[in-house]
Protein backbone atom coordinates (compact mmCIF):
# COMPACT_ATOMS: atom_id res chain seq x y z
CA MET A 1 -65.60 -89.63 46.17
CA LYS A 2 -66.35 -89.89 49.85
CA CYS A 3 -66.76 -86.68 51.83
CA ASN A 4 -63.56 -85.83 53.72
CA ILE A 5 -64.22 -82.16 54.57
CA GLY A 6 -66.23 -81.29 57.66
CA LYS A 7 -68.39 -78.24 58.37
CA THR A 8 -65.68 -76.15 60.09
CA ASP A 9 -63.17 -77.02 57.37
CA LYS A 10 -65.67 -75.90 54.70
CA ILE A 11 -66.25 -72.56 56.43
CA ILE A 12 -62.50 -71.93 56.69
CA ARG A 13 -62.00 -72.82 53.02
CA VAL A 14 -64.79 -70.48 51.88
CA ILE A 15 -63.39 -67.57 53.91
CA LEU A 16 -59.82 -68.27 52.77
CA GLY A 17 -60.85 -68.62 49.13
CA ALA A 18 -62.85 -65.38 49.20
CA CYS A 19 -59.91 -63.54 50.80
CA ILE A 20 -57.45 -64.83 48.20
CA ILE A 21 -59.77 -63.76 45.38
CA ALA A 22 -60.31 -60.33 46.96
CA VAL A 23 -56.55 -59.76 47.32
CA GLY A 24 -56.03 -60.84 43.71
CA VAL A 25 -58.69 -58.41 42.50
CA TYR A 26 -57.31 -55.60 44.67
CA TYR A 27 -53.77 -56.04 43.32
CA GLN A 28 -55.09 -56.80 39.81
CA SER A 29 -53.23 -60.10 39.75
CA TRP A 30 -54.31 -63.36 38.17
CA TRP A 31 -53.02 -65.12 41.30
CA GLY A 32 -56.42 -64.38 42.80
CA ALA A 33 -57.70 -67.23 40.65
CA VAL A 34 -55.97 -69.61 43.08
CA GLY A 35 -58.80 -68.75 45.52
CA VAL A 36 -61.15 -70.82 43.38
CA ILE A 37 -59.46 -74.03 44.59
CA PRO A 38 -60.54 -73.80 48.26
CA LEU A 39 -64.00 -72.64 47.15
CA LEU A 40 -64.35 -75.62 44.82
CA THR A 41 -63.17 -78.17 47.38
CA ALA A 42 -65.57 -76.69 49.96
CA ALA A 43 -68.44 -76.86 47.48
CA ILE A 44 -67.93 -80.53 46.61
CA GLY A 45 -66.88 -81.57 50.14
CA TRP A 46 -63.84 -83.51 48.99
CA CYS A 47 -60.15 -82.57 49.04
CA PRO A 48 -57.77 -84.61 46.89
CA ALA A 49 -54.79 -83.56 49.06
CA TYR A 50 -56.35 -85.32 52.08
CA VAL A 51 -56.61 -88.71 50.33
CA PRO A 52 -52.92 -89.83 50.37
CA PHE A 53 -52.63 -88.98 54.07
CA GLY A 54 -55.96 -90.53 55.07
CA ILE A 55 -57.15 -87.24 56.59
CA SER A 56 -60.84 -86.54 57.10
CA SER A 57 -62.42 -83.71 59.05
CA CYS A 58 -65.93 -85.15 58.69
CA GLN A 59 -67.65 -86.25 61.85
CA THR A 60 -68.13 -89.98 62.17
CA LYS A 61 -71.58 -91.29 63.07
CA LYS A 62 -71.62 -93.44 66.19
C-alpha cells in the first residue's frame, strides 16, 4: 500500500470523521459508526477509493 493521502486530506478526514461520530452520538444512531472510515483511512494514509481512479493527494518529491 503506497501512501495516497496528503497532509491536508488527512486533516479534512479526521475533522469529518469526528463530526460524523459526534452527530451519531448526539442522535443516538449507529450511523455515527460510519465516521470511523475517514478516521481509519487518515490513520493509515491510504484510501482504497482513490486507487481505481489513480488519485493521490500526496506531494511528490522533486
